[in-house]
Amino acid sequence: MMLDDRIVPYLQMIGLYLLARLNETWFRLDEPLVSAFVERWQPETHTFHMPFRECTITLQDVAYQLGLPIDSQYVSGCLTDSARHIEGGRPAWETFSELPQGADDETVMRYVRAYIMMLLSTQLFEDKSGTHLHIRWLSYIARLEDMGQYSWGFAALSWLYRCMCRVANRNIVKLAGLLQFLQSWIFWRYPGFRPDGFDVFHWSLASRYSPFMYASSFP
């Protein structure tokens, strides 16, 4: 999904701009490689148990790989917290379908919210379907001016941890979460698994792999 320049200032304000740029060429997943690492994930310690040492993904990795903020307010809460985002007695998500027609600024804002919802549902907090977003995130999207105050990197890492712990259950057969980020972390920390052509530095680090991986396929 190409990024419209008119919404760039909003994405920069909330700290999701680099993730949005990466989304334009989100790279292909090497499922055997990712699965091999997930099999070594230990839910009790939240670490990968490798033959030579234990290791894990840190907030620093999230910041370097995806450029997400990690030192702001934590992202939390439940549906009961949505009351502070309700204006005029209406749920905030109702305004998404009731914006005035013909107003350019309002149309852009509606597009911004839709784009951010797409980023959250398909990049940061992806479930097994890859198409659903929990209703709890609508409260944050309703107040764009507040979204930049939150540590989206911390929330994304917590969700990845949770997904990997879930798949440790034998009844779970499909992994959700930030798998492209996990693959980018593997390439960065374990150069032996890294395909050729990734010697040039780009920021964020995950963007180093996008042009090549998006056009390539694994045997």
N, C-alpha and C. Protein backbone atom coordinates (compact mmCIF):
# COMPACT_ATOMS: atom_id res chain seq x y z
N MET A 1 0.85 -1.19 0.00
CA MET A 1 0.00 0.00 0.00
C MET A 1 0.88 1.23 0.00
N MET A 2 0.80 2.04 -1.06
CA MET A 2 1.64 3.22 -1.19
C MET A 2 1.23 4.29 -0.19
N LEU A 3 2.20 5.03 0.27
CA LEU A 3 1.99 6.05 1.30
C LEU A 3 1.72 7.39 0.64
N ASP A 4 0.58 7.98 0.98
CA ASP A 4 0.22 9.30 0.47
C ASP A 4 0.99 10.36 1.26
N ASP A 5 1.63 11.29 0.54
CA ASP A 5 2.45 12.31 1.20
C ASP A 5 1.64 13.19 2.14
N ARG A 6 0.34 13.32 1.92
CA ARG A 6 -0.48 14.18 2.77
C ARG A 6 -0.63 13.66 4.19
N ILE A 7 -0.40 12.36 4.41
CA ILE A 7 -0.56 11.83 5.76
C ILE A 7 0.78 11.63 6.46
N VAL A 8 1.88 11.95 5.76
CA VAL A 8 3.21 11.78 6.36
C VAL A 8 3.36 12.56 7.67
N PRO A 9 2.94 13.84 7.74
CA PRO A 9 3.11 14.58 9.01
C PRO A 9 2.41 13.91 10.19
N TYR A 10 1.27 13.29 9.95
CA TYR A 10 0.55 12.63 11.03
C TYR A 10 1.29 11.38 11.48
N LEU A 11 1.84 10.63 10.54
CA LEU A 11 2.58 9.43 10.88
C LEU A 11 3.87 9.77 11.63
N GLN A 12 4.51 10.88 11.25
CA GLN A 12 5.70 11.32 11.97
C GLN A 12 5.34 11.75 13.39
N MET A 13 4.19 12.37 13.54
CA MET A 13 3.75 12.85 14.85
C MET A 13 3.52 11.70 15.82
N ILE A 14 3.02 10.58 15.33
CA ILE A 14 2.67 9.47 16.22
C ILE A 14 3.77 8.41 16.29
N GLY A 15 4.85 8.58 15.52
CA GLY A 15 5.98 7.67 15.60
C GLY A 15 5.88 6.42 14.76
N LEU A 16 5.00 6.41 13.76
CA LEU A 16 4.83 5.23 12.92
C LEU A 16 5.30 5.46 11.48
N TYR A 17 6.02 6.55 11.24
CA TYR A 17 6.39 6.88 9.86
C TYR A 17 7.33 5.85 9.25
N LEU A 18 8.38 5.44 9.98
CA LEU A 18 9.33 4.48 9.43
C LEU A 18 8.67 3.14 9.18
N LEU A 19 7.75 2.75 10.05
CA LEU A 19 7.01 1.52 9.83
C LEU A 19 6.15 1.63 8.58
N ALA A 20 5.57 2.79 8.35
CA ALA A 20 4.74 2.99 7.16
C ALA A 20 5.58 2.92 5.89
N ARG A 21 6.78 3.49 5.91
CA ARG A 21 7.66 3.40 4.75
C ARG A 21 8.06 1.96 4.49
N LEU A 22 8.34 1.23 5.55
CA LEU A 22 8.68 -0.17 5.39
C LEU A 22 7.51 -0.96 4.82
N ASN A 23 6.30 -0.55 5.14
CA ASN A 23 5.12 -1.25 4.69
C ASN A 23 4.97 -1.21 3.17
N GLU A 24 5.57 -0.23 2.52
CA GLU A 24 5.46 -0.13 1.07
C GLU A 24 6.13 -1.31 0.37
N THR A 25 7.16 -1.87 0.99
CA THR A 25 7.88 -3.00 0.38
C THR A 25 8.13 -4.07 1.44
N TRP A 26 7.11 -4.40 2.22
CA TRP A 26 7.25 -5.39 3.30
C TRP A 26 7.71 -6.71 2.70
N PHE A 27 8.79 -7.27 3.23
CA PHE A 27 9.49 -8.32 2.52
C PHE A 27 8.91 -9.71 2.78
N ARG A 28 9.33 -10.61 1.93
CA ARG A 28 8.84 -11.98 1.96
C ARG A 28 9.41 -12.73 3.17
N LEU A 29 8.59 -13.59 3.75
CA LEU A 29 8.97 -14.31 4.96
C LEU A 29 9.60 -15.65 4.63
N ASP A 30 10.74 -15.93 5.27
CA ASP A 30 11.38 -17.24 5.17
C ASP A 30 10.81 -18.11 6.29
N GLU A 31 9.74 -18.81 6.01
CA GLU A 31 9.01 -19.54 7.04
C GLU A 31 9.84 -20.64 7.71
N PRO A 32 10.63 -21.44 6.97
CA PRO A 32 11.45 -22.46 7.65
C PRO A 32 12.44 -21.86 8.65
N LEU A 33 13.06 -20.74 8.28
CA LEU A 33 14.02 -20.11 9.18
C LEU A 33 13.33 -19.60 10.44
N VAL A 34 12.22 -18.88 10.27
CA VAL A 34 11.49 -18.34 11.42
C VAL A 34 10.98 -19.47 12.31
N SER A 35 10.45 -20.52 11.70
CA SER A 35 9.94 -21.65 12.47
C SER A 35 11.03 -22.32 13.29
N ALA A 36 12.24 -22.41 12.72
CA ALA A 36 13.35 -23.03 13.43
C ALA A 36 13.70 -22.26 14.69
N PHE A 37 13.63 -20.92 14.63
CA PHE A 37 13.92 -20.12 15.81
C PHE A 37 12.77 -20.20 16.81
N VAL A 38 11.55 -20.17 16.33
CA VAL A 38 10.40 -20.24 17.24
C VAL A 38 10.40 -21.55 18.03
N GLU A 39 10.85 -22.61 17.41
CA GLU A 39 10.91 -23.90 18.11
C GLU A 39 11.89 -23.86 19.29
N ARG A 40 12.82 -22.92 19.27
CA ARG A 40 13.78 -22.79 20.36
C ARG A 40 13.35 -21.75 21.39
N TRP A 41 12.15 -21.20 21.23
CA TRP A 41 11.65 -20.19 22.17
C TRP A 41 11.16 -20.87 23.45
N GLN A 42 11.61 -20.34 24.59
CA GLN A 42 11.23 -20.89 25.89
C GLN A 42 10.31 -19.90 26.60
N PRO A 43 9.01 -20.23 26.76
CA PRO A 43 8.06 -19.30 27.39
C PRO A 43 8.44 -18.94 28.82
N GLU A 44 9.09 -19.85 29.54
CA GLU A 44 9.41 -19.59 30.94
C GLU A 44 10.43 -18.46 31.10
N THR A 45 11.35 -18.36 30.18
CA THR A 45 12.41 -17.35 30.28
C THR A 45 12.32 -16.26 29.21
N HIS A 46 11.43 -16.43 28.25
CA HIS A 46 11.30 -15.49 27.13
C HIS A 46 12.63 -15.32 26.39
N THR A 47 13.27 -16.44 26.14
CA THR A 47 14.54 -16.43 25.42
C THR A 47 14.58 -17.58 24.43
N PHE A 48 15.46 -17.43 23.43
CA PHE A 48 15.75 -18.52 22.51
C PHE A 48 16.89 -19.34 23.11
N HIS A 49 16.68 -20.64 23.25
CA HIS A 49 17.73 -21.52 23.76
C HIS A 49 18.51 -22.08 22.57
N MET A 50 19.66 -21.49 22.30
CA MET A 50 20.52 -21.91 21.21
C MET A 50 21.57 -22.89 21.73
N PRO A 51 22.21 -23.65 20.84
CA PRO A 51 23.23 -24.61 21.29
C PRO A 51 24.40 -23.95 22.01
N PHE A 52 24.67 -22.69 21.72
CA PHE A 52 25.85 -22.02 22.26
C PHE A 52 25.53 -20.98 23.31
N ARG A 53 24.25 -20.53 23.41
CA ARG A 53 23.90 -19.52 24.40
C ARG A 53 22.40 -19.26 24.35
N GLU A 54 21.93 -18.46 25.30
CA GLU A 54 20.56 -17.96 25.27
C GLU A 54 20.57 -16.54 24.74
N CYS A 55 19.51 -16.16 24.04
CA CYS A 55 19.41 -14.81 23.53
C CYS A 55 17.94 -14.44 23.42
N THR A 56 17.67 -13.15 23.30
CA THR A 56 16.29 -12.72 23.16
C THR A 56 16.23 -11.42 22.39
N ILE A 57 15.03 -10.99 22.04
CA ILE A 57 14.79 -9.74 21.34
C ILE A 57 14.51 -8.65 22.36
N THR A 58 15.16 -7.52 22.23
CA THR A 58 15.04 -6.44 23.21
C THR A 58 14.34 -5.23 22.62
N LEU A 59 14.04 -4.27 23.48
CA LEU A 59 13.44 -3.02 23.02
C LEU A 59 14.40 -2.27 22.10
N GLN A 60 15.68 -2.38 22.37
CA GLN A 60 16.67 -1.74 21.48
C GLN A 60 16.56 -2.31 20.07
N ASP A 61 16.34 -3.61 19.97
CA ASP A 61 16.17 -4.22 18.65
C ASP A 61 14.94 -3.67 17.94
N VAL A 62 13.87 -3.48 18.69
CA VAL A 62 12.65 -2.93 18.08
C VAL A 62 12.91 -1.53 17.55
N ALA A 63 13.59 -0.71 18.35
CA ALA A 63 13.87 0.65 17.93
C ALA A 63 14.77 0.69 16.70
N TYR A 64 15.81 -0.14 16.68
CA TYR A 64 16.75 -0.14 15.56
C TYR A 64 16.16 -0.76 14.30
N GLN A 65 15.40 -1.83 14.47
CA GLN A 65 14.87 -2.54 13.31
C GLN A 65 13.69 -1.81 12.67
N LEU A 66 12.77 -1.30 13.50
CA LEU A 66 11.51 -0.73 12.99
C LEU A 66 11.38 0.77 13.20
N GLY A 67 12.27 1.37 14.01
CA GLY A 67 12.19 2.80 14.25
C GLY A 67 11.00 3.21 15.08
N LEU A 68 10.49 2.31 15.92
CA LEU A 68 9.33 2.62 16.74
C LEU A 68 9.76 3.24 18.07
N PRO A 69 8.94 4.14 18.64
CA PRO A 69 9.27 4.73 19.94
C PRO A 69 9.17 3.68 21.05
N ILE A 70 10.13 3.73 21.99
CA ILE A 70 10.16 2.73 23.06
C ILE A 70 10.25 3.36 24.45
N ASP A 71 10.38 4.68 24.54
CA ASP A 71 10.61 5.32 25.83
C ASP A 71 9.48 6.26 26.23
N SER A 72 8.28 6.01 25.74
CA SER A 72 7.14 6.87 26.06
C SER A 72 6.20 6.12 27.00
N GLN A 73 4.95 6.58 27.10
CA GLN A 73 3.97 5.93 27.95
C GLN A 73 3.63 4.55 27.41
N TYR A 74 3.34 3.63 28.33
CA TYR A 74 3.01 2.27 27.91
C TYR A 74 1.61 2.23 27.29
N VAL A 75 1.43 1.32 26.36
CA VAL A 75 0.14 1.12 25.70
C VAL A 75 -0.60 0.03 26.46
N SER A 76 -1.71 0.40 27.06
CA SER A 76 -2.45 -0.56 27.86
C SER A 76 -3.89 -0.12 27.94
N GLY A 77 -4.62 -0.75 28.85
CA GLY A 77 -6.02 -0.38 29.06
C GLY A 77 -6.96 -1.38 28.44
N CYS A 78 -8.23 -1.23 28.75
CA CYS A 78 -9.27 -2.10 28.22
C CYS A 78 -10.40 -1.25 27.68
N LEU A 79 -11.50 -1.86 27.28
CA LEU A 79 -12.58 -1.13 26.64
C LEU A 79 -13.22 -0.11 27.56
N THR A 80 -13.15 -0.31 28.88
CA THR A 80 -13.75 0.66 29.79
C THR A 80 -13.01 1.99 29.78
N ASP A 81 -11.77 2.00 29.30
CA ASP A 81 -11.02 3.25 29.21
C ASP A 81 -11.45 4.10 28.02
N SER A 82 -12.30 3.57 27.18
CA SER A 82 -12.71 4.30 25.98
C SER A 82 -13.57 5.51 26.31
N ALA A 83 -14.10 5.58 27.52
CA ALA A 83 -15.00 6.68 27.86
C ALA A 83 -14.34 8.03 27.70
N ARG A 84 -13.03 8.12 27.99
CA ARG A 84 -12.38 9.43 27.90
C ARG A 84 -12.16 9.86 26.46
N HIS A 85 -12.40 8.96 25.50
CA HIS A 85 -12.25 9.29 24.09
C HIS A 85 -13.60 9.53 23.40
N ILE A 86 -14.67 9.50 24.17
CA ILE A 86 -16.00 9.68 23.59
C ILE A 86 -16.35 11.17 23.61
N GLU A 87 -16.77 11.70 22.50
CA GLU A 87 -17.14 13.09 22.37
C GLU A 87 -18.62 13.20 22.04
N GLY A 88 -19.32 14.03 22.78
CA GLY A 88 -20.74 14.23 22.52
C GLY A 88 -21.58 12.99 22.80
N GLY A 89 -21.08 12.10 23.66
CA GLY A 89 -21.84 10.92 24.01
C GLY A 89 -21.80 9.82 22.97
N ARG A 90 -20.96 9.96 21.96
CA ARG A 90 -20.90 8.96 20.89
C ARG A 90 -19.58 8.21 20.98
N PRO A 91 -19.57 6.90 20.72
CA PRO A 91 -18.31 6.17 20.64
C PRO A 91 -17.42 6.78 19.56
N ALA A 92 -16.11 6.82 19.84
CA ALA A 92 -15.18 7.48 18.92
C ALA A 92 -15.21 6.87 17.54
N TRP A 93 -15.42 5.53 17.44
CA TRP A 93 -15.34 4.91 16.12
C TRP A 93 -16.53 5.26 15.23
N GLU A 94 -17.62 5.80 15.82
CA GLU A 94 -18.75 6.21 14.99
C GLU A 94 -18.37 7.41 14.12
N THR A 95 -17.43 8.23 14.58
CA THR A 95 -17.03 9.40 13.80
C THR A 95 -16.32 9.01 12.53
N PHE A 96 -15.81 7.79 12.44
CA PHE A 96 -15.10 7.39 11.24
C PHE A 96 -16.02 7.36 10.03
N SER A 97 -17.30 7.10 10.24
CA SER A 97 -18.24 7.00 9.13
C SER A 97 -19.15 8.21 9.04
N GLU A 98 -18.92 9.22 9.90
CA GLU A 98 -19.79 10.37 9.91
C GLU A 98 -19.05 11.68 9.65
N LEU A 99 -17.87 11.61 9.08
CA LEU A 99 -17.13 12.82 8.77
C LEU A 99 -17.84 13.58 7.66
N PRO A 100 -17.85 14.91 7.72
CA PRO A 100 -18.52 15.70 6.68
C PRO A 100 -17.94 15.43 5.30
N GLN A 101 -18.81 15.29 4.34
CA GLN A 101 -18.37 15.06 2.96
C GLN A 101 -17.96 16.38 2.32
N GLY A 102 -16.94 16.29 1.45
CA GLY A 102 -16.52 17.47 0.71
C GLY A 102 -15.50 18.33 1.42
N ALA A 103 -15.14 17.99 2.65
CA ALA A 103 -14.14 18.75 3.40
C ALA A 103 -12.80 18.05 3.27
N ASP A 104 -11.84 18.68 2.59
CA ASP A 104 -10.57 18.03 2.31
C ASP A 104 -9.84 17.60 3.58
N ASP A 105 -9.75 18.51 4.55
CA ASP A 105 -9.03 18.18 5.78
C ASP A 105 -9.66 16.99 6.49
N GLU A 106 -10.96 16.97 6.56
CA GLU A 106 -11.64 15.87 7.23
C GLU A 106 -11.46 14.56 6.47
N THR A 107 -11.48 14.66 5.15
CA THR A 107 -11.27 13.46 4.34
C THR A 107 -9.87 12.89 4.57
N VAL A 108 -8.88 13.77 4.65
CA VAL A 108 -7.52 13.32 4.92
C VAL A 108 -7.45 12.66 6.30
N MET A 109 -8.08 13.25 7.29
CA MET A 109 -8.06 12.68 8.63
C MET A 109 -8.71 11.30 8.65
N ARG A 110 -9.76 11.14 7.91
CA ARG A 110 -10.41 9.83 7.84
C ARG A 110 -9.48 8.82 7.19
N TYR A 111 -8.79 9.24 6.15
CA TYR A 111 -7.83 8.35 5.49
C TYR A 111 -6.68 8.00 6.43
N VAL A 112 -6.22 9.00 7.19
CA VAL A 112 -5.13 8.77 8.15
C VAL A 112 -5.54 7.69 9.14
N ARG A 113 -6.73 7.80 9.68
CA ARG A 113 -7.19 6.82 10.67
C ARG A 113 -7.28 5.42 10.05
N ALA A 114 -7.79 5.36 8.83
CA ALA A 114 -7.89 4.06 8.16
C ALA A 114 -6.51 3.46 7.92
N TYR A 115 -5.56 4.30 7.53
CA TYR A 115 -4.20 3.82 7.27
C TYR A 115 -3.54 3.34 8.55
N ILE A 116 -3.72 4.09 9.63
CA ILE A 116 -3.14 3.68 10.91
C ILE A 116 -3.75 2.37 11.38
N MET A 117 -5.05 2.21 11.20
CA MET A 117 -5.69 0.94 11.57
C MET A 117 -5.08 -0.21 10.78
N MET A 118 -4.79 0.03 9.50
CA MET A 118 -4.16 -0.99 8.68
C MET A 118 -2.77 -1.34 9.21
N LEU A 119 -1.98 -0.31 9.59
CA LEU A 119 -0.64 -0.56 10.13
C LEU A 119 -0.71 -1.39 11.41
N LEU A 120 -1.63 -1.03 12.29
CA LEU A 120 -1.75 -1.74 13.55
C LEU A 120 -2.18 -3.19 13.35
N SER A 121 -3.13 -3.40 12.44
CA SER A 121 -3.71 -4.73 12.27
C SER A 121 -2.81 -5.66 11.46
N THR A 122 -2.05 -5.13 10.50
CA THR A 122 -1.26 -6.00 9.62
C THR A 122 0.22 -5.97 9.90
N GLN A 123 0.69 -5.03 10.72
CA GLN A 123 2.12 -4.92 10.99
C GLN A 123 2.45 -5.13 12.47
N LEU A 124 1.85 -4.35 13.36
CA LEU A 124 2.24 -4.43 14.76
C LEU A 124 1.52 -5.52 15.54
N PHE A 125 0.21 -5.63 15.34
CA PHE A 125 -0.57 -6.53 16.18
C PHE A 125 -1.36 -7.52 15.32
N GLU A 126 -0.69 -8.08 14.35
CA GLU A 126 -1.35 -9.00 13.43
C GLU A 126 -1.78 -10.28 14.15
N ASP A 127 -3.02 -10.72 13.86
CA ASP A 127 -3.47 -12.01 14.37
C ASP A 127 -3.29 -13.06 13.29
N LYS A 128 -3.83 -14.24 13.50
CA LYS A 128 -3.63 -15.32 12.54
C LYS A 128 -4.28 -15.04 11.20
N SER A 129 -5.37 -14.28 11.19
CA SER A 129 -6.04 -13.98 9.93
C SER A 129 -5.32 -12.87 9.17
N GLY A 130 -4.64 -11.98 9.91
CA GLY A 130 -3.97 -10.85 9.27
C GLY A 130 -4.91 -9.78 8.80
N THR A 131 -6.19 -9.85 9.20
CA THR A 131 -7.18 -8.88 8.71
C THR A 131 -8.00 -8.26 9.82
N HIS A 132 -7.81 -8.68 11.07
CA HIS A 132 -8.63 -8.20 12.17
C HIS A 132 -7.83 -7.32 13.12
N LEU A 133 -8.53 -6.37 13.72
CA LEU A 133 -7.93 -5.46 14.70
C LEU A 133 -8.83 -5.42 15.92
N HIS A 134 -8.24 -5.61 17.10
CA HIS A 134 -9.04 -5.58 18.32
C HIS A 134 -9.63 -4.19 18.53
N ILE A 135 -10.83 -4.16 19.05
CA ILE A 135 -11.55 -2.90 19.21
C ILE A 135 -10.85 -1.96 20.18
N ARG A 136 -9.98 -2.47 21.06
CA ARG A 136 -9.31 -1.62 22.03
C ARG A 136 -8.47 -0.53 21.37
N TRP A 137 -7.98 -0.79 20.12
CA TRP A 137 -7.09 0.18 19.48
C TRP A 137 -7.85 1.37 18.91
N LEU A 138 -9.17 1.26 18.76
CA LEU A 138 -9.95 2.36 18.21
C LEU A 138 -9.89 3.60 19.10
N SER A 139 -9.77 3.40 20.39
CA SER A 139 -9.68 4.54 21.30
C SER A 139 -8.43 5.38 21.03
N TYR A 140 -7.32 4.71 20.73
CA TYR A 140 -6.08 5.43 20.45
C TYR A 140 -6.16 6.16 19.11
N ILE A 141 -6.77 5.55 18.13
CA ILE A 141 -6.85 6.14 16.80
C ILE A 141 -7.76 7.36 16.79
N ALA A 142 -8.74 7.39 17.68
CA ALA A 142 -9.67 8.51 17.71
C ALA A 142 -8.99 9.80 18.13
N ARG A 143 -7.90 9.72 18.89
CA ARG A 143 -7.19 10.90 19.35
C ARG A 143 -5.76 10.86 18.81
N LEU A 144 -5.60 11.25 17.54
CA LEU A 144 -4.28 11.16 16.90
C LEU A 144 -3.25 12.00 17.62
N GLU A 145 -3.66 13.13 18.18
CA GLU A 145 -2.70 14.00 18.84
C GLU A 145 -2.08 13.35 20.07
N ASP A 146 -2.71 12.30 20.59
CA ASP A 146 -2.17 11.61 21.76
C ASP A 146 -1.35 10.38 21.41
N MET A 147 -1.43 9.90 20.18
CA MET A 147 -0.78 8.63 19.84
C MET A 147 0.73 8.71 19.93
N GLY A 148 1.30 9.88 19.73
CA GLY A 148 2.75 10.03 19.80
C GLY A 148 3.31 9.92 21.20
N GLN A 149 2.44 9.86 22.21
CA GLN A 149 2.90 9.79 23.60
C GLN A 149 3.14 8.35 24.05
N TYR A 150 2.86 7.38 23.17
CA TYR A 150 2.89 5.99 23.60
C TYR A 150 4.08 5.23 23.02
N SER A 151 4.49 4.21 23.76
CA SER A 151 5.60 3.35 23.36
C SER A 151 5.07 2.20 22.51
N TRP A 152 4.92 2.45 21.22
CA TRP A 152 4.39 1.42 20.32
C TRP A 152 5.38 0.28 20.13
N GLY A 153 6.66 0.57 20.28
CA GLY A 153 7.65 -0.48 20.19
C GLY A 153 7.52 -1.48 21.33
N PHE A 154 7.26 -0.98 22.53
CA PHE A 154 7.08 -1.86 23.68
C PHE A 154 5.86 -2.75 23.49
N ALA A 155 4.75 -2.16 23.00
CA ALA A 155 3.53 -2.93 22.78
C ALA A 155 3.73 -4.00 21.70
N ALA A 156 4.43 -3.64 20.63
CA ALA A 156 4.67 -4.59 19.54
C ALA A 156 5.54 -5.75 20.01
N LEU A 157 6.58 -5.47 20.81
CA LEU A 157 7.44 -6.52 21.31
C LEU A 157 6.68 -7.44 22.27
N SER A 158 5.84 -6.85 23.11
CA SER A 158 5.04 -7.65 24.04
C SER A 158 4.10 -8.58 23.28
N TRP A 159 3.52 -8.07 22.20
CA TRP A 159 2.62 -8.91 21.40
C TRP A 159 3.38 -10.05 20.73
N LEU A 160 4.58 -9.78 20.23
CA LEU A 160 5.38 -10.84 19.62
C LEU A 160 5.74 -11.90 20.66
N TYR A 161 6.15 -11.46 21.85
CA TYR A 161 6.43 -12.41 22.93
C TYR A 161 5.21 -13.29 23.20
N ARG A 162 4.06 -12.66 23.30
CA ARG A 162 2.84 -13.39 23.61
C ARG A 162 2.52 -14.41 22.52
N CYS A 163 2.68 -14.02 21.28
CA CYS A 163 2.39 -14.93 20.16
C CYS A 163 3.34 -16.12 20.17
N MET A 164 4.63 -15.88 20.44
CA MET A 164 5.58 -16.98 20.45
C MET A 164 5.35 -17.91 21.63
N CYS A 165 4.90 -17.35 22.75
CA CYS A 165 4.58 -18.20 23.90
C CYS A 165 3.35 -19.05 23.61
N ARG A 166 2.40 -18.48 22.89
CA ARG A 166 1.19 -19.25 22.56
C ARG A 166 1.51 -20.43 21.65
N VAL A 167 2.38 -20.21 20.68
CA VAL A 167 2.65 -21.26 19.71
C VAL A 167 3.45 -22.40 20.35
N ALA A 168 3.98 -22.17 21.55
CA ALA A 168 4.65 -23.25 22.26
C ALA A 168 3.66 -24.33 22.69
N ASN A 169 2.37 -23.97 22.72
CA ASN A 169 1.32 -24.94 23.00
C ASN A 169 1.13 -25.83 21.79
N ARG A 170 1.11 -27.13 21.98
CA ARG A 170 1.02 -28.06 20.86
C ARG A 170 -0.28 -27.92 20.08
N ASN A 171 -1.30 -27.30 20.68
CA ASN A 171 -2.59 -27.14 20.00
C ASN A 171 -2.61 -25.93 19.06
N ILE A 172 -1.59 -25.10 19.13
CA ILE A 172 -1.49 -23.92 18.27
C ILE A 172 -0.57 -24.26 17.10
N VAL A 173 -1.08 -24.11 15.89
CA VAL A 173 -0.31 -24.54 14.72
C VAL A 173 0.13 -23.39 13.82
N LYS A 174 -0.35 -22.19 14.09
CA LYS A 174 0.02 -21.06 13.23
C LYS A 174 0.45 -19.89 14.08
N LEU A 175 1.59 -19.31 13.72
CA LEU A 175 2.16 -18.21 14.48
C LEU A 175 1.70 -16.88 13.92
N ALA A 176 1.33 -15.97 14.82
CA ALA A 176 0.97 -14.61 14.44
C ALA A 176 2.03 -13.66 15.00
N GLY A 177 1.83 -12.36 14.76
CA GLY A 177 2.75 -11.38 15.30
C GLY A 177 3.68 -10.81 14.24
N LEU A 178 4.69 -10.09 14.73
CA LEU A 178 5.64 -9.39 13.85
C LEU A 178 6.71 -10.34 13.32
N LEU A 179 6.31 -11.22 12.42
CA LEU A 179 7.24 -12.24 11.95
C LEU A 179 8.32 -11.66 11.04
N GLN A 180 7.97 -10.65 10.24
CA GLN A 180 9.00 -10.02 9.42
C GLN A 180 10.05 -9.34 10.28
N PHE A 181 9.61 -8.76 11.39
CA PHE A 181 10.56 -8.17 12.33
C PHE A 181 11.45 -9.25 12.94
N LEU A 182 10.86 -10.37 13.31
CA LEU A 182 11.65 -11.48 13.85
C LEU A 182 12.68 -11.95 12.83
N GLN A 183 12.30 -12.04 11.57
CA GLN A 183 13.25 -12.46 10.54
C GLN A 183 14.35 -11.44 10.36
N SER A 184 14.00 -10.17 10.39
CA SER A 184 15.01 -9.12 10.27
C SER A 184 15.99 -9.18 11.44
N TRP A 185 15.48 -9.45 12.63
CA TRP A 185 16.34 -9.59 13.81
C TRP A 185 17.30 -10.77 13.64
N ILE A 186 16.80 -11.88 13.10
CA ILE A 186 17.65 -13.05 12.87
C ILE A 186 18.78 -12.70 11.90
N PHE A 187 18.45 -12.01 10.81
CA PHE A 187 19.46 -11.63 9.83
C PHE A 187 20.51 -10.70 10.45
N TRP A 188 20.08 -9.82 11.35
CA TRP A 188 20.99 -8.84 11.93
C TRP A 188 21.91 -9.50 12.97
N ARG A 189 21.34 -10.36 13.80
CA ARG A 189 22.10 -10.96 14.88
C ARG A 189 22.88 -12.20 14.44
N TYR A 190 22.44 -12.85 13.38
CA TYR A 190 23.08 -14.08 12.90
C TYR A 190 23.38 -13.93 11.42
N PRO A 191 24.47 -13.25 11.08
CA PRO A 191 24.80 -12.98 9.67
C PRO A 191 24.91 -14.22 8.81
N GLY A 192 25.19 -15.38 9.41
CA GLY A 192 25.30 -16.60 8.62
C GLY A 192 24.02 -16.99 7.94
N PHE A 193 22.87 -16.54 8.46
CA PHE A 193 21.58 -16.83 7.85
C PHE A 193 21.18 -15.77 6.83
N ARG A 194 21.94 -14.73 6.74
CA ARG A 194 21.57 -13.58 5.92
C ARG A 194 21.91 -13.84 4.45
N PRO A 195 20.93 -13.69 3.54
CA PRO A 195 21.24 -13.83 2.11
C PRO A 195 22.20 -12.73 1.65
N ASP A 196 22.83 -12.95 0.52
CA ASP A 196 23.77 -11.97 -0.02
C ASP A 196 23.04 -10.70 -0.45
N GLY A 197 23.74 -9.59 -0.39
CA GLY A 197 23.21 -8.33 -0.89
C GLY A 197 22.71 -7.39 0.17
N PHE A 198 23.03 -7.65 1.45
CA PHE A 198 22.51 -6.81 2.53
C PHE A 198 23.64 -6.12 3.29
N ASP A 199 24.64 -5.65 2.59
CA ASP A 199 25.78 -5.03 3.24
C ASP A 199 25.64 -3.52 3.38
N VAL A 200 24.65 -2.93 2.76
CA VAL A 200 24.46 -1.49 2.82
C VAL A 200 23.58 -1.14 4.01
N PHE A 201 23.97 -0.11 4.76
CA PHE A 201 23.20 0.27 5.95
C PHE A 201 22.04 1.16 5.54
N HIS A 202 20.86 0.83 6.04
CA HIS A 202 19.67 1.68 5.88
C HIS A 202 18.99 1.81 7.23
N TRP A 203 18.32 2.93 7.43
CA TRP A 203 17.53 3.13 8.65
C TRP A 203 16.06 3.25 8.25
N SER A 204 15.20 2.51 8.90
CA SER A 204 15.48 1.55 9.96
C SER A 204 16.14 0.28 9.40
N LEU A 205 16.70 -0.56 10.30
CA LEU A 205 17.48 -1.70 9.84
C LEU A 205 16.66 -2.66 9.00
N ALA A 206 15.39 -2.84 9.33
CA ALA A 206 14.56 -3.77 8.58
C ALA A 206 14.41 -3.34 7.12
N SER A 207 14.55 -2.04 6.85
CA SER A 207 14.42 -1.57 5.47
C SER A 207 15.58 -2.02 4.60
N ARG A 208 16.67 -2.50 5.20
CA ARG A 208 17.80 -3.04 4.41
C ARG A 208 17.36 -4.23 3.58
N TYR A 209 16.39 -4.98 4.11
CA TYR A 209 16.03 -6.24 3.49
C TYR A 209 14.83 -6.14 2.56
N SER A 210 14.13 -5.02 2.61
CA SER A 210 12.86 -4.93 1.88
C SER A 210 13.00 -5.04 0.36
N PRO A 211 13.81 -4.22 -0.31
CA PRO A 211 13.83 -4.28 -1.77
C PRO A 211 14.20 -5.65 -2.32
N PHE A 212 15.17 -6.30 -1.69
CA PHE A 212 15.61 -7.61 -2.19
C PHE A 212 14.59 -8.69 -1.86
N MET A 213 14.13 -8.71 -0.60
CA MET A 213 13.27 -9.78 -0.15
C MET A 213 11.90 -9.72 -0.78
N TYR A 214 11.41 -8.52 -1.05
CA TYR A 214 10.07 -8.38 -1.63
C TYR A 214 10.03 -8.97 -3.03
N ALA A 215 11.12 -8.88 -3.76
CA ALA A 215 11.14 -9.35 -5.15
C ALA A 215 11.66 -10.77 -5.27
N SER A 216 12.13 -11.33 -4.15
CA SER A 216 12.73 -12.65 -4.21
C SER A 216 11.85 -13.67 -3.54
N SER A 217 12.17 -14.91 -3.77
CA SER A 217 11.46 -16.00 -3.13
C SER A 217 12.48 -17.01 -2.64
N PHE A 218 12.08 -17.78 -1.65
CA PHE A 218 12.99 -18.77 -1.08
C PHE A 218 12.70 -20.12 -1.72
N PRO A 219 13.71 -20.93 -1.89
CA PRO A 219 13.51 -22.26 -2.49
C PRO A 219 12.68 -23.14 -1.57
